[in-house]
Protein backbone atom coordinates (compact mmCIF):
# COMPACT_ATOMS: atom_id res chain seq x y z
CA UNK A 1 -25.65 -2.08 45.02
CA UNK A 2 -22.44 -0.50 42.84
CA UNK A 3 -21.62 2.70 41.78
CA UNK A 4 -21.55 3.41 38.18
CA UNK A 5 -18.32 5.60 38.62
CA UNK A 6 -16.60 2.88 40.44
CA UNK A 7 -15.44 1.79 36.96
CA UNK A 8 -13.02 4.82 36.92
CA UNK A 9 -10.84 4.17 40.09
CA UNK A 10 -10.22 0.49 38.74
CA UNK A 11 -9.75 1.51 35.08
CA UNK A 12 -6.08 0.25 34.12
CA UNK A 13 -5.76 3.49 31.09
CA UNK A 14 -6.92 5.84 34.14
CA UNK A 15 -3.69 4.45 36.12
CA UNK A 16 -1.31 5.27 33.55
CA UNK A 17 -2.74 8.31 33.09
CA UNK A 18 -2.59 9.73 36.79
CA UNK A 19 0.95 8.16 36.65
CA UNK A 20 2.17 9.94 33.80
CA UNK A 21 0.40 13.43 35.38
CA UNK A 22 2.66 12.64 38.52
CA UNK A 23 5.90 11.75 36.71
CA UNK A 24 5.07 15.01 34.00
CA UNK A 25 5.38 12.71 31.07
CA UNK A 26 1.75 13.08 30.30
CA UNK A 27 1.56 13.77 26.45
CA UNK A 28 -1.96 14.29 25.79
CA UNK A 29 -3.96 17.37 26.08
CA UNK A 30 -1.25 20.07 25.79
CA UNK A 31 -2.82 23.30 25.50
CA UNK A 32 -1.29 25.45 22.34
CA UNK A 33 -1.42 29.04 23.66
CA UNK A 34 0.27 30.36 19.85
CA UNK A 35 0.40 28.56 16.84
CA UNK A 36 1.51 30.06 13.25
CA UNK A 37 1.36 26.59 11.89
CA UNK A 38 4.87 25.29 11.61
CA UNK A 39 5.54 26.34 15.19
CA UNK A 40 3.85 26.90 18.02
CA UNK A 41 3.88 27.61 21.85
CA UNK A 42 3.48 25.32 24.53
CA UNK A 43 4.08 26.29 28.50
CA UNK A 44 5.88 29.13 27.19
CA UNK A 45 8.21 27.55 24.74
CA UNK A 46 8.38 27.09 20.76
CA UNK A 47 8.27 24.24 19.34
CA UNK A 48 8.50 23.18 15.55
CA UNK A 49 5.39 21.27 15.02
CA UNK A 50 5.61 17.72 12.98
CA UNK A 51 2.14 17.03 14.87
CA UNK A 52 -0.27 18.17 12.74
CA UNK A 53 -2.75 17.37 10.09
CA UNK A 54 -2.57 21.19 8.52
CA UNK A 55 -0.73 19.29 5.66
CA UNK A 56 -1.12 22.35 3.23
CA UNK A 57 -0.37 24.97 5.86
CA UNK A 58 -3.40 26.89 5.00
CA UNK A 59 -5.01 27.61 8.26
CA UNK A 60 -2.89 30.77 8.85
CA UNK A 61 -3.47 31.63 4.99
CA UNK A 62 -4.59 35.63 4.98
CA UNK A 63 -7.26 34.70 2.38
CA UNK A 64 -8.70 31.86 4.39
CA UNK A 65 -8.94 33.83 7.51
CA UNK A 66 -10.70 37.00 5.70
CA UNK A 67 -12.84 34.36 4.09
CA UNK A 68 -14.06 32.89 7.50
CA UNK A 69 -14.20 36.69 8.87
CA UNK A 70 -16.16 38.05 5.55
CA UNK A 71 -18.63 35.08 6.47
CA UNK A 72 -19.12 35.89 10.07
CA UNK A 73 -19.92 39.16 8.96
CA UNK A 74 -22.40 38.19 6.50
CA UNK A 75 -24.18 35.30 8.25
CA UNK A 76 -23.07 35.59 11.59
CA UNK A 77 -21.43 32.82 13.83
CA UNK A 78 -24.05 29.83 13.55
CA UNK A 79 -26.60 28.65 10.91
CA UNK A 80 -28.57 27.28 14.49
CA UNK A 81 -30.28 24.87 12.92
CA UNK A 82 -29.58 21.27 10.94
CA UNK A 83 -28.91 20.86 7.15
CA UNK A 84 -32.42 19.41 6.78
CA UNK A 85 -34.46 21.90 8.16
CA UNK A 86 -33.37 25.82 8.67
CA UNK A 87 -29.31 24.74 8.62
CA UNK A 88 -28.62 25.31 4.84
CA UNK A 89 -26.85 28.18 3.15
CA UNK A 90 -26.59 28.67 -0.33
CA UNK A 91 -22.60 28.94 1.01
CA UNK A 92 -23.34 24.82 1.98
CA UNK A 93 -24.68 24.35 -1.81
CA UNK A 94 -22.17 26.15 -3.39
CA UNK A 95 -19.40 23.95 -1.25
CA UNK A 96 -21.27 20.69 -2.46
CA UNK A 97 -21.17 21.50 -6.11
CA UNK A 98 -17.40 22.67 -5.74
CA UNK A 99 -16.53 19.52 -4.23
CA UNK A 100 -18.38 17.04 -6.52
CA UNK A 101 -16.62 18.46 -9.63
CA UNK A 102 -13.55 18.71 -7.37
CA UNK A 103 -13.82 14.72 -6.58
CA UNK A 104 -15.23 13.78 -10.16
CA UNK A 105 -18.36 12.53 -8.28
CA UNK A 106 -22.30 13.49 -9.53
CA UNK A 107 -22.91 14.95 -5.93
CA UNK A 108 -21.68 15.60 -2.71
CA UNK A 109 -23.18 16.32 0.60
CA UNK A 110 -21.06 17.95 3.36
CA UNK A 111 -21.56 17.04 7.66
CA UNK A 112 -20.28 19.13 10.75
CA UNK A 113 -17.47 16.83 11.10
CA UNK A 114 -16.04 13.87 9.22
CA UNK A 115 -16.80 11.75 11.80
CA UNK A 116 -20.29 12.25 11.65
CA UNK A 117 -19.68 11.98 7.93
CA UNK A 118 -18.74 8.66 8.06
CA UNK A 119 -21.30 7.52 10.86
CA UNK A 120 -24.39 8.94 8.39
CA UNK A 121 -23.57 7.61 5.30
CA UNK A 122 -22.79 4.10 6.47
CA UNK A 123 -25.67 4.09 9.08
CA UNK A 124 -28.03 4.97 6.52
CA UNK A 125 -26.82 2.91 3.82
CA UNK A 126 -26.41 -0.43 5.94
CA UNK A 127 -28.69 -2.57 8.17
CA UNK A 128 -28.56 -5.87 9.66
CA UNK A 129 -28.81 -7.85 6.45
CA UNK A 130 -25.93 -6.39 4.81
CA UNK A 131 -21.99 -7.17 5.46
CA UNK A 132 -19.57 -5.13 5.97
CA UNK A 133 -15.75 -5.82 4.76
CA UNK A 134 -13.32 -3.49 6.14
CA UNK A 135 -9.73 -3.05 6.22
CA UNK A 136 -8.05 -4.24 9.77
CA UNK A 137 -6.41 -0.67 9.96
CA UNK A 138 -9.51 1.58 8.88
CA UNK A 139 -10.00 4.63 11.05
CA UNK A 140 -12.33 3.95 14.21
CA UNK A 141 -15.22 5.86 13.22
CA UNK A 142 -15.73 3.57 10.03
CA UNK A 143 -15.79 0.47 13.10
CA UNK A 144 -18.18 2.85 15.14
CA UNK A 145 -20.26 3.34 12.09
CA UNK A 146 -20.57 -0.53 11.01
CA UNK A 147 -21.39 -1.41 14.67
CA UNK A 148 -23.89 1.34 15.00
CA UNK A 149 -25.55 0.25 11.65
CA UNK A 150 -25.75 -3.21 13.40
CA UNK A 151 -24.27 -5.33 10.28
CA UNK A 152 -22.21 -8.09 10.00
CA UNK A 153 -18.44 -7.02 10.17
CA UNK A 154 -15.75 -9.01 7.90
CA UNK A 155 -12.26 -7.67 8.52
CA UNK A 156 -9.20 -8.54 6.06
CA UNK A 157 -5.22 -7.75 6.60
CA UNK A 158 -4.16 -4.47 5.63
CA UNK A 159 -3.80 -4.16 1.85
CA UNK A 160 -4.07 -7.54 0.98
CA UNK A 161 -5.86 -7.82 -1.85
CA UNK A 162 -5.66 -11.88 -1.65
CA UNK A 163 -7.44 -11.57 1.46
CA UNK A 164 -10.11 -9.65 0.42
CA UNK A 165 -10.70 -12.14 -2.27
CA UNK A 166 -10.76 -14.66 -0.14
CA UNK A 167 -13.71 -13.20 1.96
CA UNK A 168 -15.36 -12.05 -0.99
CA UNK A 169 -15.12 -15.50 -2.13
CA UNK A 170 -16.49 -17.15 1.12
CA UNK A 171 -19.31 -14.60 1.13
CA UNK A 172 -20.36 -15.57 -2.10
CA UNK A 173 -21.31 -18.64 -1.29
CA UNK A 174 -22.18 -18.04 2.81
CA UNK A 175 -24.51 -14.77 1.93
CA UNK A 176 -25.07 -14.87 -1.82
CA UNK A 177 -28.36 -12.12 -1.39
CA UNK A 178 -26.91 -9.68 1.27
CA UNK A 179 -26.12 -5.87 0.56
CA UNK A 180 -21.99 -5.88 0.65
CA UNK A 181 -19.80 -2.75 0.92
CA UNK A 182 -15.39 -3.04 1.31
CA UNK A 183 -14.87 0.20 3.33
CA UNK A 184 -11.07 1.31 3.17
CA UNK A 185 -8.81 4.68 4.00
CA UNK A 186 -7.53 6.13 1.38
CA UNK A 187 -4.08 7.19 3.13
CA UNK A 188 -4.04 5.20 6.53
CA UNK A 189 -3.78 7.73 9.44
CA UNK A 190 -1.13 5.99 11.10
CA UNK A 191 1.25 4.56 8.48
CA UNK A 192 1.26 7.24 6.30
CA UNK A 193 0.74 4.34 3.51
CA UNK A 194 -2.27 3.96 0.51
CA UNK A 195 -4.69 1.75 -0.42
CA UNK A 196 -4.25 0.05 -3.74
CA UNK A 197 -7.40 1.67 -5.01
CA UNK A 198 -7.61 0.22 -8.57
CA UNK A 199 -6.86 -3.24 -7.70
CA UNK A 200 -9.38 -3.10 -4.51
CA UNK A 201 -11.82 -1.23 -7.14
CA UNK A 202 -11.72 -4.06 -9.48
CA UNK A 203 -11.94 -6.68 -6.73
CA UNK A 204 -15.42 -5.01 -5.58
CA UNK A 205 -16.76 -4.88 -9.33
CA UNK A 206 -15.73 -8.57 -9.75
CA UNK A 207 -17.85 -9.85 -6.80
CA UNK A 208 -20.45 -6.97 -7.41
CA UNK A 209 -19.62 -5.34 -3.68
CA UNK A 210 -19.82 -1.52 -2.82
CA UNK A 211 -16.56 0.45 -2.52
CA UNK A 212 -16.12 3.29 -0.04
CA UNK A 213 -13.09 4.89 0.36
CA UNK A 214 -12.64 7.45 3.48
CA UNK A 215 -9.79 9.88 1.93
CA UNK A 216 -9.60 12.05 5.17
CA UNK A 217 -5.92 12.46 4.37
CA UNK A 218 -5.61 12.72 1.07
CA UNK A 219 -8.09 15.37 -0.07
CA UNK A 220 -5.96 18.11 -0.64
CA UNK A 221 -2.61 16.15 -0.66
CA UNK A 222 -2.91 13.37 -2.95
CA UNK A 223 -3.18 13.40 -6.62
CA UNK A 224 -3.16 16.16 -9.01
CA UNK A 225 -4.14 19.10 -7.14
CA UNK A 226 -4.93 17.52 -4.36
CA UNK A 227 -7.94 15.74 -5.75
CA UNK A 228 -7.72 12.61 -3.58
CA UNK A 229 -5.97 9.51 -3.88
CA UNK A 230 -8.37 7.45 -6.27
CA UNK A 231 -6.97 10.53 -8.78
CA UNK A 232 -3.27 9.85 -7.32
CA UNK A 233 -3.67 6.35 -8.72
CA UNK A 234 -5.42 7.35 -11.98
CA UNK A 235 -7.80 4.67 -11.10
CA UNK A 236 -10.19 3.79 -14.18
CA UNK A 237 -12.84 2.77 -11.74
CA UNK A 238 -13.67 5.53 -9.27
CA UNK A 239 -15.08 4.36 -5.67
CA UNK A 240 -18.51 4.20 -5.14
CA UNK A 241 -18.59 6.74 -2.28
CA UNK A 242 -15.63 9.13 -1.02
CA UNK A 243 -15.45 10.52 2.37
CA UNK A 244 -13.10 13.45 3.02
CA UNK A 245 -12.63 15.92 5.69
CA UNK A 246 -12.15 19.60 5.92
CA UNK A 247 -10.55 19.65 9.54
CA UNK A 248 -6.67 18.40 7.74
CA UNK A 249 -5.52 19.94 4.47
CA UNK A 250 -8.72 22.51 3.69
CA UNK A 251 -8.27 24.31 7.12
CA UNK A 252 -11.71 24.22 8.70
CA UNK A 253 -13.69 21.71 10.36
CA UNK A 254 -16.72 19.29 8.38
CA UNK A 255 -16.63 16.59 6.21
CA UNK A 256 -17.84 15.35 2.90
CA UNK A 257 -19.67 12.33 1.16
CA UNK A 258 -19.40 11.97 -2.38
CA UNK A 259 -20.68 10.00 -5.41
CA UNK A 260 -24.11 9.18 -7.30
CA UNK A 261 -26.55 11.73 -7.14
CA UNK A 262 -29.08 9.20 -6.12
CA UNK A 263 -27.28 7.87 -3.34
CA UNK A 264 -26.10 11.43 -2.12
CA UNK A 265 -29.84 12.39 -2.09
CA UNK A 266 -30.68 9.27 -0.15
CA UNK A 267 -27.59 9.61 2.35
CA UNK A 268 -29.21 13.34 2.77
CA UNK A 269 -32.60 12.04 3.99
CA UNK A 270 -31.43 8.85 5.84
CA UNK A 271 -28.33 10.14 7.49
CA UNK A 272 -29.46 10.69 11.35
CA UNK A 273 -25.77 12.39 12.00
CA UNK A 274 -26.93 15.04 9.19
CA UNK A 275 -30.55 15.17 10.01
CA UNK A 276 -30.39 15.45 13.67
CA UNK A 277 -27.26 17.66 14.34
CA UNK A 278 -26.24 21.20 13.62
CA UNK A 279 -24.54 22.33 10.27
CA UNK A 280 -21.25 23.40 9.00
CA UNK A 281 -21.03 27.02 10.25
CA UNK A 282 -20.73 29.96 7.57
CA UNK A 283 -17.32 30.74 8.65
CA UNK A 284 -16.05 27.12 8.21
CA UNK A 285 -17.48 26.22 4.95
CA UNK A 286 -16.02 29.78 3.54
CA UNK A 287 -12.42 28.51 5.10
CA UNK A 288 -12.93 25.41 2.61
CA UNK A 289 -14.15 27.44 -0.19
CA UNK A 290 -11.10 29.73 0.31
CA UNK A 291 -8.98 26.65 0.48
CA UNK A 292 -10.05 24.99 -2.87
CA UNK A 293 -9.89 28.67 -4.57
CA UNK A 294 -6.03 28.65 -3.04
CA UNK A 295 -4.73 25.29 -4.33
CA UNK A 296 -6.94 25.11 -7.37
CA UNK A 297 -5.07 28.71 -8.65
CA UNK A 298 -1.50 27.22 -6.97
CA UNK A 299 -1.10 23.40 -7.66
CA UNK A 300 2.39 24.06 -5.89
CA UNK A 301 0.65 23.89 -2.09
CA UNK A 302 0.27 20.24 -3.13
CA UNK A 303 3.49 19.63 -4.82
CA UNK A 304 5.72 20.89 -1.97
CA UNK A 305 4.13 19.38 1.12
CA UNK A 306 5.26 16.11 -0.74
CA UNK A 307 8.58 17.83 -1.26
CA UNK A 308 9.45 18.06 2.32
CA UNK A 309 7.82 14.49 3.21
CA UNK A 310 10.38 13.10 0.98
CA UNK A 311 13.25 14.80 2.22
CA UNK A 312 12.08 13.84 6.02
CA UNK A 313 11.64 10.23 4.97
CA UNK A 314 14.95 10.16 2.92
CA UNK A 315 16.85 11.42 6.28
CA UNK A 316 15.16 9.40 8.62
CA UNK A 317 15.99 6.24 6.75
CA UNK A 318 19.57 7.02 6.14
CA UNK A 319 19.76 7.38 10.12
CA UNK A 320 18.39 4.43 10.97
CA UNK A 321 14.80 5.11 11.60
CA UNK A 322 11.74 2.54 11.02
CA UNK A 323 9.18 4.43 9.34
CA UNK A 324 7.26 1.66 7.94
CA UNK A 325 5.91 1.96 4.65
CA UNK A 326 5.00 5.76 4.33
CA UNK A 327 4.99 7.41 0.74
CA UNK A 328 2.70 10.49 2.57
CA UNK A 329 3.36 13.82 4.66
CA UNK A 330 2.50 11.09 7.19
CA UNK A 331 5.84 9.30 8.36
CA UNK A 332 5.26 7.54 11.58
CA UNK A 333 8.41 6.47 13.71
CA UNK A 334 8.17 3.01 14.84
CA UNK A 335 9.60 2.68 18.46
CA UNK A 336 8.05 -0.52 20.00
CA UNK A 337 6.89 -0.26 24.25
CA UNK A 338 4.42 1.89 25.08
CA UNK A 339 6.87 3.50 28.05
CA UNK A 340 9.17 3.58 25.16
CA UNK A 341 6.96 5.71 22.84
CA UNK A 342 6.33 7.96 26.06
CA UNK A 343 10.16 8.56 26.67
CA UNK A 344 11.01 9.19 23.26
CA UNK A 345 7.70 11.82 23.28
CA UNK A 346 8.98 13.22 26.11
CA UNK A 347 12.58 13.84 24.91
CA UNK A 348 11.65 15.59 21.53
CA UNK A 349 9.48 17.59 23.49
CA UNK A 350 12.49 18.91 25.57
CA UNK A 351 14.41 19.51 22.84
CA UNK A 352 11.71 21.59 20.84
CA UNK A 353 10.04 19.35 18.66
CA UNK A 354 6.28 18.52 18.73
CA UNK A 355 5.39 14.91 17.70
CA UNK A 356 2.42 12.67 18.62
CA UNK A 357 2.92 9.18 20.44
CA UNK A 358 0.53 7.23 19.26
CA UNK A 359 -0.70 4.12 21.79
CA UNK A 360 -2.84 1.11 21.82
CA UNK A 361 -5.42 1.16 21.15
CA UNK A 362 -4.55 3.18 17.99
CA UNK A 363 -1.86 0.52 17.39
CA UNK A 364 -1.42 -2.92 18.52
CA UNK A 365 0.48 -3.87 21.70
CA UNK A 366 4.12 -2.98 21.70
CA UNK A 367 3.78 -1.33 18.42
CA UNK A 368 3.89 2.27 19.70
CA UNK A 369 4.98 4.98 17.13
CA UNK A 370 5.39 8.65 17.21
CA UNK A 371 3.29 10.04 14.16
CA UNK A 372 4.74 12.93 12.65
CA UNK A 373 3.56 15.07 9.53
CA UNK A 374 4.72 17.82 7.54
CA UNK A 375 3.34 20.71 5.77
CA UNK A 376 3.87 22.75 2.69
CA UNK A 377 4.89 25.46 4.62
CA UNK A 378 8.02 23.91 6.64
CA UNK A 379 11.15 25.78 5.08
CA UNK A 380 14.14 24.05 3.99
CA UNK A 381 15.74 25.44 7.23
CA UNK A 382 13.26 23.72 9.41
CA UNK A 383 13.63 20.63 7.38
CA UNK A 384 17.29 20.73 8.40
CA UNK A 385 16.23 21.19 12.22
CA UNK A 386 14.14 18.53 12.26
CA UNK A 387 16.47 16.02 11.13
CA UNK A 388 19.28 17.28 13.54
CA UNK A 389 16.74 16.96 16.32
CA UNK A 390 16.35 13.23 14.92
CA UNK A 391 20.05 12.79 14.78
CA UNK A 392 20.77 13.94 18.57
CA UNK A 393 17.50 12.61 20.24
CA UNK A 394 17.54 9.28 18.59
CA UNK A 395 21.39 8.69 19.51
CA UNK A 396 20.49 9.72 23.23
CA UNK A 397 17.58 7.82 23.31
CA UNK A 398 18.90 5.15 21.86
CA UNK A 399 16.84 4.73 18.85
CA UNK A 400 19.55 4.43 16.25
CA UNK A 401 22.96 3.78 16.77
CA UNK A 402 25.52 6.58 17.12
């Protein structure tokens, strides 16, 4: 009889983990002893942070910190229940009202995390007789949700409108009575590129298909005042559903699904990840509300992060780095093989710059990259230091020519 745990010693990934740890090049689960947003302390060393999703740099803002503390003083540390029962505070309802207005929808519902927001909404709305049509680069939680929902899955080439229309035309013939939804990211978390929302929205309307945009990396970052990628495009046809997270630009933890009032009410009563998990703690909700106050009062935060990212993109391109099609604060640096990606990470780490190495299955085989991301609070001096690091490390590691 085999032991369930026998697979662990045979697993290729775990063998690589052990080898990386033995050689001192294991790049994950690095504990930060201190963090002030744009810089961190790791293993007693200070590094410039360019691996965080703290796009507006608000995790250390005094007003955000104080709002979280005040919420703890008033409500305690937890709601100790699900939203469905005793876990809804007026604070949650206030946040939902604010988010619906912010995102231009009738209603919104907040979840404990962005992951559970996608899981809950998609499994509530889709079932065995429905069809999910997903961009090939959507976030993993969307695929997990589709699989959990038990619906059929079709995938189209990344941002390829012609390929999407081909699938929709085929489904009109093959499954004319099936419920359908196209699912995309607003901002793609590895490539930093955008979904062409207006064109996809038009296709969905043409083929009577619902449109779901995961805007986890667009909320607070894209569009006027950070209202999202659909506002960035000033799209005449808004998506049917918009998902966002608070663990990035909004300096907290949680997620939101926004859309029409009827659909949101349905999700509230059908989403198992909402009904059967604890609600956002008061401090997290208050932090999001404080972030919204800050960026609504001062739109320079959302402008500044793009100024920083533009400077980095220009500098890296001029040096000869391949940064793909990024137009956002996410700037990937394409490396290639898994080992070269890890060695490049280690070179930057030793130099004093914190980047994220991204390996399969998050990217295709031999398409490893360094995922860098930037904050509104990065100073001009730090931008110069980051570009100097890329120039020096890039040459030494053979990533660019001298």
